[in-house]
Amino acid sequence: MLDKAQAAFDIGASMVHHAGDAVVVVDPAGRVTVWNEAAETMFGRSSREVLGATLDLIIPHNLRDRHWTGFRQTLATGDTQYAGRTLAVPALRADGTRISIEFTVSLLRDERDELVGIGAIIRDVTTRWEEQRALKRRVAELETELATLRR
């Protein structure tokens, strides 16, 4: 039985490590405990640099207070209003570049149902966001041109 359990654990660990989306887990102190290859690529920071640090490395300064307020509330209540929802926020790469990300969060509990961490699966949607913004601008331009032609 232990061999099967270990095999299942190894498969899960490999899946997280090699997932195409970033997988990030923080402990109740807000310190990163999991940072997979996709997170390294997305944010330009190695796991060696990030493990043990806080998410302030990727959270824009103006959003940090909001993040940590929500984080503390989640720890205090053991619940999050964001479960099952995809959230969209800006984030920071190591070089200071802002990117647009979407993510889902999971509350991680131990066998006693105590909250032991918060995990996120994160996708970089910067290209899509920029394309949508350009498309909206172009539609607005065309609507203005059409209104002018109708006069």
Protein backbone atom coordinates (compact mmCIF):
# COMPACT_ATOMS: atom_id res chain seq x y z
CA MET A 1 0.00 0.00 0.00
CA LEU A 2 2.84 2.38 0.83
CA ASP A 3 4.37 1.82 -2.60
CA LYS A 4 1.09 2.83 -4.29
CA ALA A 5 0.75 5.88 -2.05
CA GLN A 6 4.34 6.91 -2.75
CA ALA A 7 3.83 6.38 -6.48
CA ALA A 8 0.69 8.55 -6.42
CA PHE A 9 2.56 11.23 -4.47
CA ASP A 10 5.47 11.14 -6.93
CA ILE A 11 3.11 11.46 -9.90
CA GLY A 12 1.36 14.44 -8.28
CA ALA A 13 4.66 16.12 -7.47
CA SER A 14 5.89 15.59 -11.02
CA MET A 15 2.65 16.98 -12.42
CA VAL A 16 2.94 20.14 -10.31
CA HIS A 17 6.61 20.55 -11.16
CA HIS A 18 6.08 20.22 -14.91
CA ALA A 19 2.63 21.85 -15.24
CA GLY A 20 2.22 24.41 -18.02
CA ASP A 21 0.67 26.88 -15.59
CA ALA A 22 2.48 28.32 -12.61
CA VAL A 23 1.76 26.53 -9.34
CA VAL A 24 2.53 28.50 -6.20
CA VAL A 25 1.85 27.53 -2.59
CA VAL A 26 2.38 29.65 0.51
CA ASP A 27 2.31 28.58 4.14
CA PRO A 28 0.25 30.33 6.85
CA ALA A 29 3.11 32.79 7.38
CA GLY A 30 2.81 33.83 3.74
CA ARG A 31 6.12 32.23 2.75
CA VAL A 32 6.41 30.44 -0.59
CA THR A 33 6.80 26.67 -0.21
CA VAL A 34 6.10 25.57 -3.81
CA TRP A 35 7.26 27.40 -6.96
CA ASN A 36 7.23 25.26 -10.08
CA GLU A 37 9.10 25.59 -13.40
CA ALA A 38 6.25 27.55 -15.02
CA ALA A 39 6.35 30.06 -12.15
CA GLU A 40 10.10 30.44 -12.70
CA THR A 41 9.50 31.17 -16.38
CA MET A 42 6.49 33.42 -15.87
CA PHE A 43 7.99 35.61 -13.16
CA GLY A 44 11.68 35.33 -14.06
CA ARG A 45 12.65 34.14 -10.59
CA SER A 46 14.18 30.81 -9.64
CA SER A 47 12.69 28.62 -6.94
CA ARG A 48 15.94 29.02 -5.01
CA GLU A 49 15.35 32.78 -4.92
CA VAL A 50 11.64 32.56 -4.04
CA LEU A 51 11.25 29.64 -1.63
CA GLY A 52 10.91 31.11 1.86
CA ALA A 53 10.18 34.62 0.56
CA THR A 54 6.76 36.27 0.45
CA LEU A 55 4.63 37.01 -2.59
CA ASP A 56 5.67 40.66 -2.36
CA LEU A 57 8.18 39.64 -5.02
CA ILE A 58 5.35 39.43 -7.57
CA ILE A 59 2.64 41.69 -6.12
CA PRO A 60 2.71 45.31 -7.31
CA HIS A 61 3.37 47.66 -4.40
CA ASN A 62 -0.02 49.36 -4.64
CA LEU A 63 -1.84 46.01 -4.23
CA ARG A 64 0.15 44.55 -1.34
CA ASP A 65 -1.97 45.95 1.51
CA ARG A 66 -5.13 44.58 -0.11
CA HIS A 67 -3.48 41.18 -0.67
CA TRP A 68 -2.22 40.82 2.90
CA THR A 69 -5.52 42.00 4.40
CA GLY A 70 -7.33 39.29 2.44
CA PHE A 71 -4.66 36.73 3.29
CA ARG A 72 -4.97 37.41 7.04
CA GLN A 73 -8.77 37.29 6.82
CA THR A 74 -8.61 33.93 5.05
CA LEU A 75 -6.32 32.53 7.75
CA ALA A 76 -8.56 33.87 10.52
CA THR A 77 -11.80 32.51 9.05
CA GLY A 78 -10.50 29.46 7.23
CA ASP A 79 -12.56 30.53 4.23
CA THR A 80 -12.13 32.62 1.10
CA GLN A 81 -14.66 34.44 -1.01
CA TYR A 82 -12.58 33.60 -4.08
CA ALA A 83 -12.90 29.79 -4.00
CA GLY A 84 -14.03 28.50 -7.37
CA ARG A 85 -13.50 31.85 -9.09
CA THR A 86 -10.86 32.91 -11.57
CA LEU A 87 -9.24 36.16 -10.48
CA ALA A 88 -7.45 38.61 -12.76
CA VAL A 89 -4.76 40.94 -11.42
CA PRO A 90 -1.50 42.55 -12.48
CA ALA A 91 1.75 40.99 -11.29
CA LEU A 92 5.47 41.77 -11.46
CA ARG A 93 8.28 39.94 -13.18
CA ALA A 94 11.78 40.04 -11.70
CA ASP A 95 12.79 42.77 -14.16
CA GLY A 96 9.90 44.98 -12.97
CA THR A 97 7.71 44.34 -16.03
CA ARG A 98 4.01 44.24 -15.21
CA ILE A 99 2.10 41.28 -16.56
CA SER A 100 -1.57 40.33 -16.44
CA ILE A 101 -2.37 37.06 -14.69
CA GLU A 102 -5.43 34.99 -14.00
CA PHE A 103 -5.46 32.50 -11.15
CA THR A 104 -7.54 30.25 -8.96
CA VAL A 105 -6.87 29.64 -5.28
CA SER A 106 -7.23 26.54 -3.15
CA LEU A 107 -7.18 26.35 0.62
CA LEU A 108 -4.88 23.51 1.62
CA ARG A 109 -5.79 21.57 4.76
CA ASP A 110 -4.14 18.78 6.69
CA GLU A 111 -5.74 15.58 7.98
CA ARG A 112 -7.12 17.54 11.00
CA ASP A 113 -8.80 19.99 8.55
CA GLU A 114 -6.47 22.77 9.68
CA LEU A 115 -5.41 25.33 7.08
CA VAL A 116 -1.76 24.67 6.25
CA GLY A 117 -1.39 26.77 3.13
CA ILE A 118 -2.93 28.47 0.17
CA GLY A 119 -2.22 27.32 -3.35
CA ALA A 120 -2.70 29.09 -6.65
CA ILE A 121 -2.65 27.98 -10.26
CA ILE A 122 -1.61 30.98 -12.34
CA ARG A 123 -1.71 31.74 -16.05
CA ASP A 124 -0.07 34.68 -17.85
CA VAL A 125 -2.80 36.34 -19.94
CA THR A 126 -0.86 39.47 -20.86
CA THR A 127 -1.02 38.88 -24.62
CA ARG A 128 -4.76 38.22 -24.57
CA TRP A 129 -5.38 41.24 -22.35
CA GLU A 130 -3.37 43.52 -24.66
CA GLU A 131 -5.17 42.15 -27.73
CA GLN A 132 -8.57 42.76 -26.12
CA ARG A 133 -7.58 46.28 -25.15
CA ALA A 134 -6.40 47.02 -28.71
CA LEU A 135 -9.61 45.57 -30.12
CA LYS A 136 -11.75 47.74 -27.82
CA ARG A 137 -9.78 50.82 -28.87
CA ARG A 138 -10.28 49.96 -32.55
CA VAL A 139 -14.02 49.40 -32.08
CA ALA A 140 -14.29 52.79 -30.36
CA GLU A 141 -12.40 54.42 -33.25
CA LEU A 142 -14.68 52.78 -35.82
CA GLU A 143 -17.80 53.81 -33.89
CA THR A 144 -16.55 57.40 -33.87
CA GLU A 145 -15.86 57.26 -37.62
CA LEU A 146 -19.30 55.78 -38.28
CA ALA A 147 -20.98 58.48 -36.20
CA THR A 148 -19.10 61.12 -38.21
CA LEU A 149 -20.20 59.56 -41.53
CA ARG A 150 -23.83 59.49 -40.40
CA ARG A 151 -23.91 63.26 -39.82
